[in-house]
């Protein structure tokens, strides 16, 4: 007899675990199936070399929502955030910016470049916080279908409009962030090129396949403000034990309520009978029955590989196929016995011995040119780099006196022109080191071990279509009621009793836990309706 559960979660990434934990907490019999040997999806810590533990994909806890942390009581299961020293950004002329928690000190840093921009910075922050407060409310919404004529959907749309009736001028400000480029939005506040580059860095260097001048890239400027860091859940930072500690804590929280987790359990097919999801078949041939199936895998994996094509409308399949998800993100991981020396860093001035977070992207033209190269199937000689050394504040990650360094880089296109990544990866590593050495001449002196992951590697290891860490671009055409595709943004799918809970669903990628939370609420609501009908 086949094993049977109330809900089967396909994929043990952090959102799948969040969804499963909420369902188990509500009393459902939940099974999470993970294809790899450990849970977490892209939110994992792995010992790449003996004694060196690395956050292989995601690298900092900046967005995990307080509601999820507190609801699931993650602190009871080892979740601990360590605040790193301030962000440090060097410039070729020897100057630098340090982004302090203290607003006055940050303004003093900005004043070294422009007094006008220093005066504008507090007002800019207040503006972004006000816009983010509205955006934060959208996180927890189940996106309505504005084109549907079904009475229930029309009522959902009207209720949605009523809940946001108090959003007036902020509506236009939010619209600006969705449509303007980061460069244009920042230009409304700041005059100095270096300040625009520093504040707009992540609009081009945080997973998006866009430049700082790409329309719609201003949306990424909101992300640092989306999470409320003033709650009992605590602030952002590095996670003790690496990012995988988040996934392990969520899994433990779910297990407390009876959630079962199986690793090395790859799903080969989602079973659909008479239009209803009925369970899954593993790669081993084992069939598991479920009242509901929740896919944490990306939309393309789910609907182009796991669900039988005959169970889906060809138009829907075509919409999924056209999701834009080709990434330009790459990572370099290093084990080192010597920290690099940044020529622009003065420990006495900074008040801390070494920067744990370094951004390299010194001008708007520099950032835009790196992106331009990727549009033509190439990567730049001078790359955008975000250099993290979490072992400076977390001694569990490396042997005493040694460190792990993780470099998140952009833009290295998923599809290279005229050559393969097998031929190009050494050159990408060399360009990364050349770029780093411009600001830290001894950057490669202490390297003991190295790993480079291209977008193709992210796809292979983590089953991220196109290597995209967000399961697809976070752009105006692929968010809210169009994520993953139009008419199916409410976490439900064309297959009854089947749901999406991963980054393909609203609000998208990043380690937020929100897709998992929202999908669980929708499934519980649907089960409640089914029970009432009976």
Protein backbone atom coordinates (compact mmCIF):
# COMPACT_ATOMS: atom_id res chain seq x y z
CA UNK A 1 0.00 0.00 0.00
CA UNK A 2 1.31 3.47 -0.90
CA UNK A 3 2.32 5.89 1.82
CA UNK A 4 -0.31 8.65 2.23
CA UNK A 5 -0.25 12.21 3.63
CA UNK A 6 -2.46 15.29 3.78
CA UNK A 7 0.15 17.40 1.97
CA UNK A 8 3.30 16.55 0.05
CA UNK A 9 5.85 19.35 -0.39
CA UNK A 10 8.02 18.91 -3.48
CA UNK A 11 11.37 20.48 -2.61
CA UNK A 12 12.87 21.14 0.81
CA UNK A 13 14.03 24.70 0.17
CA UNK A 14 13.34 27.24 2.90
CA UNK A 15 9.91 28.16 1.51
CA UNK A 16 8.87 24.53 1.25
CA UNK A 17 9.93 24.03 4.86
CA UNK A 18 8.05 27.16 5.95
CA UNK A 19 4.92 26.00 4.16
CA UNK A 20 5.21 22.52 5.65
CA UNK A 21 5.83 23.87 9.16
CA UNK A 22 2.71 26.07 9.05
CA UNK A 23 0.61 23.19 7.70
CA UNK A 24 1.93 20.80 10.35
CA UNK A 25 1.31 23.41 13.03
CA UNK A 26 -2.32 23.51 11.82
CA UNK A 27 -2.59 19.76 12.36
CA UNK A 28 -1.96 18.36 8.87
CA UNK A 29 0.12 15.27 8.12
CA UNK A 30 2.93 16.77 6.02
CA UNK A 31 5.80 15.18 4.11
CA UNK A 32 8.63 17.26 2.62
CA UNK A 33 10.66 15.63 -0.16
CA UNK A 34 14.12 16.98 -1.02
CA UNK A 35 16.18 15.73 -3.96
CA UNK A 36 19.57 16.61 -2.41
CA UNK A 37 21.26 15.14 0.65
CA UNK A 38 20.38 18.13 2.84
CA UNK A 39 17.43 20.47 3.21
CA UNK A 40 17.41 24.14 2.40
CA UNK A 41 17.52 24.42 -1.39
CA UNK A 42 19.66 27.51 -2.01
CA UNK A 43 19.67 28.34 1.73
CA UNK A 44 22.32 25.85 2.81
CA UNK A 45 25.66 25.61 4.56
CA UNK A 46 28.09 23.04 3.19
CA UNK A 47 31.56 21.99 4.33
CA UNK A 48 33.34 22.43 1.01
CA UNK A 49 36.74 21.66 2.52
CA UNK A 50 37.51 20.05 5.90
CA UNK A 51 36.78 22.62 8.59
CA UNK A 52 35.44 25.28 6.21
CA UNK A 53 31.67 25.80 6.14
CA UNK A 54 30.25 27.94 3.34
CA UNK A 55 26.85 29.47 2.59
CA UNK A 56 26.98 28.19 -0.96
CA UNK A 57 24.17 30.21 -2.55
CA UNK A 58 22.32 32.74 -0.34
CA UNK A 59 24.75 34.54 1.93
CA UNK A 60 23.14 37.04 4.33
CA UNK A 61 19.90 37.20 6.33
CA UNK A 62 18.35 40.49 5.29
CA UNK A 63 14.76 39.63 4.37
CA UNK A 64 13.49 36.68 6.45
CA UNK A 65 10.26 38.11 7.78
CA UNK A 66 9.80 38.61 11.53
CA UNK A 67 6.34 37.03 11.36
CA UNK A 68 7.86 33.75 10.17
CA UNK A 69 10.69 33.86 12.71
CA UNK A 70 8.32 34.49 15.60
CA UNK A 71 5.45 32.24 14.49
CA UNK A 72 7.76 29.26 14.11
CA UNK A 73 9.89 30.20 17.16
CA UNK A 74 13.08 29.71 15.21
CA UNK A 75 15.31 30.97 18.03
CA UNK A 76 14.41 27.80 19.96
CA UNK A 77 15.98 25.74 17.17
CA UNK A 78 19.37 27.41 16.81
CA UNK A 79 18.51 30.45 14.67
CA UNK A 80 20.87 33.27 15.68
CA UNK A 81 21.77 36.39 13.73
CA UNK A 82 25.13 38.11 14.20
CA UNK A 83 25.40 41.75 13.17
CA UNK A 84 28.52 42.29 11.02
CA UNK A 85 30.64 45.45 10.88
CA UNK A 86 29.28 48.16 8.55
CA UNK A 87 29.34 47.88 4.78
CA UNK A 88 32.57 49.21 3.26
CA UNK A 89 32.88 50.48 -0.30
CA UNK A 90 36.28 51.52 -1.69
CA UNK A 91 36.94 53.79 -4.68
CA UNK A 92 39.93 53.86 -7.05
CA UNK A 93 41.13 57.25 -5.80
CA UNK A 94 41.64 55.88 -2.28
CA UNK A 95 38.43 57.26 -0.78
CA UNK A 96 35.78 55.01 0.73
CA UNK A 97 32.26 54.96 2.08
CA UNK A 98 31.22 53.24 5.29
CA UNK A 99 27.49 52.73 5.77
CA UNK A 100 26.97 52.97 9.52
CA UNK A 101 23.84 52.13 11.46
CA UNK A 102 24.16 55.64 12.84
CA UNK A 103 22.51 58.00 10.34
CA UNK A 104 24.64 61.00 11.35
CA UNK A 105 27.88 59.07 10.80
CA UNK A 106 26.70 57.84 7.40
CA UNK A 107 25.83 61.39 6.39
CA UNK A 108 29.33 62.43 7.40
CA UNK A 109 30.69 59.73 5.09
CA UNK A 110 28.53 60.95 2.21
CA UNK A 111 29.60 64.54 2.86
CA UNK A 112 33.16 63.54 1.90
CA UNK A 113 31.76 63.25 -1.64
CA UNK A 114 28.89 65.78 -1.63
CA UNK A 115 27.45 67.94 1.13
CA UNK A 116 24.27 68.30 -0.88
CA UNK A 117 23.87 64.52 -1.07
CA UNK A 118 24.60 64.20 2.66
CA UNK A 119 21.78 66.63 3.35
CA UNK A 120 19.44 64.72 1.03
CA UNK A 121 20.18 61.26 2.42
CA UNK A 122 17.90 61.37 5.52
CA UNK A 123 14.95 62.51 3.42
CA UNK A 124 15.67 59.77 0.86
CA UNK A 125 15.67 57.14 3.61
CA UNK A 126 12.38 58.39 5.02
CA UNK A 127 10.87 58.35 1.54
CA UNK A 128 11.98 54.77 0.91
CA UNK A 129 10.78 53.66 4.33
CA UNK A 130 7.34 55.11 3.65
CA UNK A 131 7.14 53.35 0.28
CA UNK A 132 8.46 50.12 1.79
CA UNK A 133 5.78 50.24 4.48
CA UNK A 134 3.18 49.98 1.73
CA UNK A 135 5.15 47.33 -0.15
CA UNK A 136 5.49 45.33 3.06
CA UNK A 137 1.71 45.08 3.28
CA UNK A 138 1.62 43.66 -0.26
CA UNK A 139 3.90 40.79 0.83
CA UNK A 140 1.12 39.08 2.74
CA UNK A 141 -1.59 39.55 0.12
CA UNK A 142 -2.91 36.72 -2.00
CA UNK A 143 -2.73 38.43 -5.41
CA UNK A 144 -6.20 38.77 -6.95
CA UNK A 145 -6.91 38.19 -10.63
CA UNK A 146 -8.00 41.57 -12.05
CA UNK A 147 -9.14 39.98 -15.32
CA UNK A 148 -11.38 37.30 -13.85
CA UNK A 149 -15.17 37.63 -14.06
CA UNK A 150 -15.86 34.93 -11.47
CA UNK A 151 -17.87 36.42 -8.65
CA UNK A 152 -15.46 35.13 -5.98
CA UNK A 153 -12.48 36.67 -7.81
CA UNK A 154 -14.27 39.98 -8.32
CA UNK A 155 -15.06 40.07 -4.60
CA UNK A 156 -11.41 39.32 -3.77
CA UNK A 157 -10.33 42.20 -5.99
CA UNK A 158 -12.80 44.59 -4.34
CA UNK A 159 -11.68 43.50 -0.87
CA UNK A 160 -8.06 44.04 -1.91
CA UNK A 161 -8.85 47.56 -3.15
CA UNK A 162 -10.69 48.33 0.10
CA UNK A 163 -7.77 47.17 2.25
CA UNK A 164 -5.48 49.58 0.39
CA UNK A 165 -7.91 52.49 0.26
CA UNK A 166 -5.62 54.49 2.55
CA UNK A 167 -2.72 54.39 0.07
CA UNK A 168 -2.78 57.74 -1.66
CA UNK A 169 0.39 59.60 -2.59
CA UNK A 170 2.46 56.51 -1.76
CA UNK A 171 0.74 54.76 -4.66
CA UNK A 172 2.55 57.04 -7.09
CA UNK A 173 5.82 56.65 -5.23
CA UNK A 174 5.46 52.87 -5.37
CA UNK A 175 4.62 53.08 -9.07
CA UNK A 176 7.83 55.05 -9.62
CA UNK A 177 9.91 52.32 -8.01
CA UNK A 178 8.26 49.74 -10.28
CA UNK A 179 8.89 51.67 -13.50
CA UNK A 180 11.91 53.92 -13.11
CA UNK A 181 15.52 52.87 -13.30
CA UNK A 182 17.52 53.00 -10.07
CA UNK A 183 19.68 55.67 -11.69
CA UNK A 184 16.71 57.90 -12.50
CA UNK A 185 15.11 57.52 -9.08
CA UNK A 186 18.38 58.20 -7.26
CA UNK A 187 18.93 61.18 -9.55
CA UNK A 188 15.89 62.83 -7.96
CA UNK A 189 17.81 62.96 -4.69
CA UNK A 190 21.53 62.82 -5.36
CA UNK A 191 24.05 64.56 -7.63
CA UNK A 192 27.28 62.64 -6.98
CA UNK A 193 28.14 59.69 -9.21
CA UNK A 194 29.82 57.73 -6.42
CA UNK A 195 26.78 58.06 -4.17
CA UNK A 196 24.42 56.95 -6.94
CA UNK A 197 26.68 53.96 -7.60
CA UNK A 198 26.87 53.03 -3.92
CA UNK A 199 23.14 53.29 -3.30
CA UNK A 200 22.23 51.72 -6.64
CA UNK A 201 24.71 48.84 -6.44
CA UNK A 202 22.19 46.12 -5.66
CA UNK A 203 19.85 47.23 -8.43
CA UNK A 204 22.41 45.61 -10.71
CA UNK A 205 24.38 43.34 -8.40
CA UNK A 206 21.89 41.39 -6.27
CA UNK A 207 20.52 38.72 -8.57
CA UNK A 208 18.75 40.91 -11.10
CA UNK A 209 19.63 40.60 -14.77
CA UNK A 210 19.54 44.37 -15.19
CA UNK A 211 21.69 47.45 -15.07
CA UNK A 212 21.45 50.47 -12.85
CA UNK A 213 19.86 52.33 -15.79
CA UNK A 214 17.38 49.59 -16.71
CA UNK A 215 13.72 50.70 -16.38
CA UNK A 216 12.16 49.01 -13.37
CA UNK A 217 15.44 48.45 -11.54
CA UNK A 218 14.46 51.05 -8.90
CA UNK A 219 12.32 48.30 -7.33
CA UNK A 220 15.45 46.68 -5.91
CA UNK A 221 16.20 49.88 -3.96
CA UNK A 222 13.22 49.01 -1.76
CA UNK A 223 14.56 45.66 -0.67
CA UNK A 224 16.79 46.93 2.20
CA UNK A 225 13.70 48.60 3.67
CA UNK A 226 11.16 45.80 3.16
CA UNK A 227 12.03 43.97 6.38
CA UNK A 228 11.18 45.63 9.69
CA UNK A 229 14.37 45.27 11.74
CA UNK A 230 12.85 46.77 14.91
CA UNK A 231 10.70 43.81 16.01
CA UNK A 232 11.32 41.11 18.61
CA UNK A 233 12.66 38.94 15.78
CA UNK A 234 15.81 41.06 15.70
CA UNK A 235 17.85 42.66 12.98
CA UNK A 236 19.58 41.50 9.79
CA UNK A 237 23.08 40.02 9.52
CA UNK A 238 25.06 36.83 9.17
CA UNK A 239 23.51 33.66 10.58
CA UNK A 240 25.60 31.68 13.04
CA UNK A 241 26.55 28.44 11.33
CA UNK A 242 25.83 29.87 7.89
CA UNK A 243 22.57 30.31 6.01
CA UNK A 244 21.79 26.62 6.27
CA UNK A 245 21.06 27.18 9.95
CA UNK A 246 17.88 29.00 8.85
CA UNK A 247 16.67 25.95 6.95
CA UNK A 248 17.63 23.57 9.75
CA UNK A 249 15.75 25.71 12.28
CA UNK A 250 12.61 25.81 10.11
CA UNK A 251 12.80 22.04 9.57
CA UNK A 252 13.15 21.49 13.33
CA UNK A 253 10.19 23.79 13.98
CA UNK A 254 8.09 21.75 11.55
CA UNK A 255 9.21 18.43 13.00
CA UNK A 256 8.05 19.58 16.41
CA UNK A 257 4.53 19.57 14.97
CA UNK A 258 4.96 16.24 13.20
CA UNK A 259 6.27 17.34 9.80
CA UNK A 260 8.30 14.60 8.12
CA UNK A 261 11.32 15.39 5.94
CA UNK A 262 13.02 13.01 3.53
CA UNK A 263 16.27 13.83 1.75
CA UNK A 264 17.73 12.02 -1.28
CA UNK A 265 14.11 11.72 -2.40
CA UNK A 266 13.87 13.22 -5.86
CA UNK A 267 10.37 13.59 -7.30
CA UNK A 268 10.19 12.39 -10.89
CA UNK A 269 6.51 13.05 -11.51
CA UNK A 270 3.48 14.66 -9.91
CA UNK A 271 0.51 12.31 -10.26
CA UNK A 272 -2.64 13.89 -11.73
CA UNK A 273 -5.89 11.94 -11.92
CA UNK A 274 -9.10 13.42 -13.29
CA UNK A 275 -7.65 16.91 -13.05
CA UNK A 276 -6.65 16.52 -9.38
CA UNK A 277 -3.17 16.21 -7.89
CA UNK A 278 -3.09 12.80 -6.23
CA UNK A 279 0.52 12.40 -5.12
CA UNK A 280 4.01 11.96 -6.50
CA UNK A 281 6.30 9.31 -7.93
CA UNK A 282 9.92 9.37 -6.82
CA UNK A 283 12.90 8.75 -9.09
CA UNK A 284 13.20 5.38 -7.32
CA UNK A 285 9.71 4.43 -8.55
CA UNK A 286 8.06 4.77 -5.15
CA UNK A 287 4.60 6.35 -5.26
CA UNK A 288 3.34 8.51 -2.40
CA UNK A 289 -0.30 9.56 -2.15
CA UNK A 290 -1.34 13.02 -1.00
CA UNK A 291 -4.57 14.98 -0.63
CA UNK A 292 -2.62 18.04 -1.80
CA UNK A 293 0.71 18.57 -3.54
CA UNK A 294 2.68 21.78 -2.97
CA UNK A 295 5.58 22.51 -5.34
CA UNK A 296 8.50 24.44 -3.92
CA UNK A 297 10.38 23.75 -7.15
CA UNK A 298 10.47 26.52 -9.74
CA UNK A 299 7.56 27.02 -12.11
CA UNK A 300 9.48 25.70 -15.10
CA UNK A 301 10.62 22.56 -13.30
CA UNK A 302 7.12 22.00 -11.93
CA UNK A 303 5.06 22.53 -15.07
CA UNK A 304 7.51 21.61 -17.84
CA UNK A 305 8.97 18.50 -16.18
CA UNK A 306 6.94 17.20 -13.25
CA UNK A 307 3.30 17.72 -14.22
CA UNK A 308 2.10 15.68 -17.21
CA UNK A 309 1.65 17.98 -20.21
CA UNK A 310 -1.82 16.58 -20.91
CA UNK A 311 -2.98 17.93 -17.53
CA UNK A 312 -2.23 21.53 -18.54
CA UNK A 313 -3.58 23.93 -21.11
CA UNK A 314 -1.08 24.61 -23.93
CA UNK A 315 -1.47 28.36 -23.41
CA UNK A 316 -0.50 27.99 -19.76
CA UNK A 317 2.53 25.89 -20.72
CA UNK A 318 3.56 28.55 -23.21
CA UNK A 319 3.25 31.28 -20.57
CA UNK A 320 5.47 29.30 -18.21
CA UNK A 321 8.01 28.66 -20.94
CA UNK A 322 8.31 32.43 -21.48
CA UNK A 323 9.18 33.27 -17.86
CA UNK A 324 12.40 35.30 -18.05
CA UNK A 325 14.87 33.55 -15.78
CA UNK A 326 18.36 33.62 -17.31
CA UNK A 327 20.72 34.74 -14.57
CA UNK A 328 24.04 36.54 -14.62
CA UNK A 329 24.96 35.86 -10.97
CA UNK A 330 28.07 33.90 -10.06
CA UNK A 331 29.85 33.12 -6.80
CA UNK A 332 33.41 32.49 -5.73
CA UNK A 333 34.11 30.75 -2.42
CA UNK A 334 37.55 30.83 -0.84
CA UNK A 335 39.26 29.32 2.17
CA UNK A 336 42.10 31.62 3.21
CA UNK A 337 44.80 31.83 5.87
CA UNK A 338 45.34 35.57 5.36
CA UNK A 339 42.82 38.38 5.04
CA UNK A 340 43.33 40.88 2.20
CA UNK A 341 44.51 44.43 2.81
CA UNK A 342 42.21 47.09 1.34
CA UNK A 343 44.25 50.16 0.44
CA UNK A 344 41.31 52.46 1.22
CA UNK A 345 40.56 50.90 4.62
CA UNK A 346 41.91 52.51 7.79
CA UNK A 347 41.10 50.38 10.83
CA UNK A 348 41.82 53.25 13.24
CA UNK A 349 39.40 55.52 11.42
CA UNK A 350 36.76 52.77 11.01
CA UNK A 351 36.96 51.50 14.57
CA UNK A 352 36.89 47.85 13.51
CA UNK A 353 39.82 45.70 12.35
CA UNK A 354 38.62 44.43 8.98
CA UNK A 355 35.53 44.82 6.78
CA UNK A 356 33.29 41.76 6.63
CA UNK A 357 31.17 43.25 3.83
CA UNK A 358 32.78 44.96 0.84
CA UNK A 359 31.08 46.22 -2.32
CA UNK A 360 33.09 46.82 -5.50
CA UNK A 361 31.27 48.90 -8.08
CA UNK A 362 32.78 52.39 -7.89
CA UNK A 363 30.85 54.33 -10.54
CA UNK A 364 27.61 54.32 -12.48
CA UNK A 365 29.49 53.76 -15.74
CA UNK A 366 31.43 50.87 -14.19
CA UNK A 367 28.20 49.17 -13.09
CA UNK A 368 26.43 49.79 -16.39
CA UNK A 369 29.35 48.61 -18.51
CA UNK A 370 29.54 45.33 -16.59
CA UNK A 371 25.87 44.79 -17.36
CA UNK A 372 26.31 45.84 -21.01
CA UNK A 373 28.89 43.10 -21.56
CA UNK A 374 26.46 40.46 -20.33
CA UNK A 375 23.82 41.53 -22.86
CA UNK A 376 26.15 40.34 -25.62
CA UNK A 377 27.01 36.98 -24.07
CA UNK A 378 30.25 38.10 -22.42
CA UNK A 379 31.44 38.98 -18.94
CA UNK A 380 33.41 42.07 -18.13
CA UNK A 381 37.06 42.28 -17.19
CA UNK A 382 35.97 44.50 -14.30
CA UNK A 383 33.09 42.90 -12.42
CA UNK A 384 30.58 43.92 -9.78
CA UNK A 385 31.55 42.15 -6.57
CA UNK A 386 30.06 41.83 -3.11
CA UNK A 387 32.74 40.32 -0.87
CA UNK A 388 31.59 38.73 2.39
CA UNK A 389 33.79 37.30 5.16
CA UNK A 390 31.29 35.90 7.68
CA UNK A 391 34.00 34.03 9.63
CA UNK A 392 35.15 37.41 10.98
CA UNK A 393 32.13 37.33 13.30
CA UNK A 394 31.28 33.60 13.32
CA UNK A 395 34.06 31.32 14.51
CA UNK A 396 32.08 28.16 13.67
CA UNK A 397 32.80 28.52 9.94
CA UNK A 398 36.58 28.05 9.72
CA UNK A 399 39.56 26.78 11.75
CA UNK A 400 41.11 29.24 14.17
CA UNK A 401 43.11 31.93 12.38
CA UNK A 402 41.58 31.10 9.01
CA UNK A 403 38.55 32.36 7.13
CA UNK A 404 35.94 31.72 4.48
CA UNK A 405 35.28 34.42 1.89
CA UNK A 406 32.20 34.38 -0.34
CA UNK A 407 32.07 36.69 -3.35
CA UNK A 408 28.72 37.29 -5.05
CA UNK A 409 29.38 38.62 -8.53
CA UNK A 410 27.55 40.05 -11.54
CA UNK A 411 27.29 39.96 -14.57
CA UNK A 412 28.27 36.58 -16.02
CA UNK A 413 25.56 35.47 -18.47
CA UNK A 414 23.92 32.07 -18.36
CA UNK A 415 24.45 31.74 -22.11
CA UNK A 416 27.92 32.66 -23.29
CA UNK A 417 28.50 33.64 -26.87
CA UNK A 418 30.69 31.24 -28.90
CA UNK A 419 32.00 29.17 -25.98
CA UNK A 420 30.93 27.07 -23.02
CA UNK A 421 31.36 27.68 -19.33
CA UNK A 422 33.81 24.78 -19.22
CA UNK A 423 36.07 26.90 -21.40
CA UNK A 424 35.40 30.21 -19.66
CA UNK A 425 35.33 29.53 -15.91
CA UNK A 426 39.09 30.01 -15.36
CA UNK A 427 38.92 33.39 -17.08
CA UNK A 428 35.95 34.44 -14.92
CA UNK A 429 37.89 33.50 -11.78
CA UNK A 430 40.94 35.44 -13.00
CA UNK A 431 38.80 38.50 -13.78
CA UNK A 432 37.26 38.28 -10.32
CA UNK A 433 40.68 38.26 -8.69
CA UNK A 434 41.97 41.04 -10.96
CA UNK A 435 38.98 43.20 -10.00
CA UNK A 436 39.46 42.47 -6.31
CA UNK A 437 43.19 43.21 -6.46
CA UNK A 438 42.51 46.73 -7.75
CA UNK A 439 41.27 47.49 -4.22
CA UNK A 440 43.14 44.82 -2.23
CA UNK A 441 46.48 44.13 -3.98
CA UNK A 442 47.24 41.05 -1.84
CA UNK A 443 43.76 39.54 -2.23
CA UNK A 444 44.96 36.17 -3.51
CA UNK A 445 48.00 35.76 -1.24
CA UNK A 446 46.25 33.60 1.33
CA UNK A 447 44.06 31.36 -0.82
CA UNK A 448 44.07 27.71 0.25
CA UNK A 449 40.98 26.43 -1.58
CA UNK A 450 38.59 27.89 -4.14
CA UNK A 451 35.24 27.17 -5.76
CA UNK A 452 33.54 29.06 -8.59
CA UNK A 453 29.83 28.66 -9.35
CA UNK A 454 28.43 29.99 -12.63
CA UNK A 455 24.71 30.33 -13.43
CA UNK A 456 24.92 26.92 -15.09
CA UNK A 457 26.24 25.45 -11.82
CA UNK A 458 23.38 27.03 -9.84
CA UNK A 459 20.96 25.39 -12.26
CA UNK A 460 22.67 22.00 -11.96
CA UNK A 461 23.13 21.95 -8.19
CA UNK A 462 19.97 23.69 -7.00
CA UNK A 463 17.63 23.03 -9.96
CA UNK A 464 17.28 26.79 -10.55
CA UNK A 465 16.06 27.23 -14.10
CA UNK A 466 18.42 29.58 -15.94
CA UNK A 467 20.53 29.65 -12.78
CA UNK A 468 18.25 32.38 -11.47
CA UNK A 469 18.31 32.73 -7.69
CA UNK A 470 14.82 34.29 -7.72
CA UNK A 471 13.23 31.66 -10.06
CA UNK A 472 12.79 34.54 -12.53
CA UNK A 473 13.24 38.29 -12.86
CA UNK A 474 11.55 40.52 -10.27
CA UNK A 475 10.27 43.00 -12.82
CA UNK A 476 6.92 44.73 -13.33
CA UNK A 477 5.79 42.06 -15.79
CA UNK A 478 6.70 39.20 -13.44
CA UNK A 479 5.50 40.26 -10.01
CA UNK A 480 2.32 40.28 -7.94
CA UNK A 481 -0.68 39.21 -10.07
CA UNK A 482 1.63 38.14 -12.90
CA UNK A 483 3.84 35.83 -10.83
CA UNK A 484 4.49 33.17 -11.97
CA UNK A 485 2.06 33.90 -14.84
CA UNK A 486 -1.20 35.79 -15.30
CA UNK A 487 -4.34 34.22 -13.80
CA UNK A 488 -2.34 31.92 -11.48
CA UNK A 489 -0.75 34.25 -8.93
CA UNK A 490 -2.86 33.09 -5.96
CA UNK A 491 -0.58 30.08 -5.20
CA UNK A 492 -3.10 27.76 -6.85
CA UNK A 493 -2.38 26.06 -10.18
CA UNK A 494 -4.44 24.73 -13.12
CA UNK A 495 -4.33 21.34 -11.37
CA UNK A 496 -6.79 21.18 -8.49
CA UNK A 497 -5.32 20.44 -5.05
CA UNK A 498 -1.90 21.53 -6.29
CA UNK A 499 -0.13 24.69 -5.16
CA UNK A 500 3.10 26.69 -5.58
CA UNK A 501 5.04 27.86 -2.52
CA UNK A 502 8.49 28.83 -3.84
CA UNK A 503 10.18 31.89 -5.28
CA UNK A 504 8.22 31.48 -8.53
CA UNK A 505 5.20 32.72 -6.58
CA UNK A 506 4.49 36.13 -5.05
CA UNK A 507 6.48 38.00 -3.76
CA UNK A 508 9.38 36.21 -5.44
CA UNK A 509 12.93 35.38 -4.44
CA UNK A 510 15.06 36.27 -1.48
CA UNK A 511 15.08 34.47 1.85
CA UNK A 512 11.75 35.85 3.07
CA UNK A 513 9.64 32.79 3.88
CA UNK A 514 6.60 34.68 2.56
CA UNK A 515 5.69 32.43 -0.40
CA UNK A 516 5.73 29.44 1.93
CA UNK A 517 3.61 31.20 4.53
CA UNK A 518 1.05 32.48 2.04
CA UNK A 519 0.73 29.18 0.18
CA UNK A 520 0.03 27.41 3.48
CA UNK A 521 -2.76 29.88 4.27
CA UNK A 522 -4.37 29.34 0.86
CA UNK A 523 -4.21 25.56 1.14
CA UNK A 524 -5.67 25.61 4.67
CA UNK A 525 -8.47 27.89 3.48
CA UNK A 526 -9.25 25.55 0.58
CA UNK A 527 -9.27 22.49 2.84
CA UNK A 528 -11.62 24.31 5.17
CA UNK A 529 -14.00 25.00 2.29
CA UNK A 530 -13.87 21.38 1.18
CA UNK A 531 -14.69 20.23 4.72
CA UNK A 532 -17.65 22.63 4.93
CA UNK A 533 -19.04 21.32 1.62
CA UNK A 534 -18.96 17.80 3.02
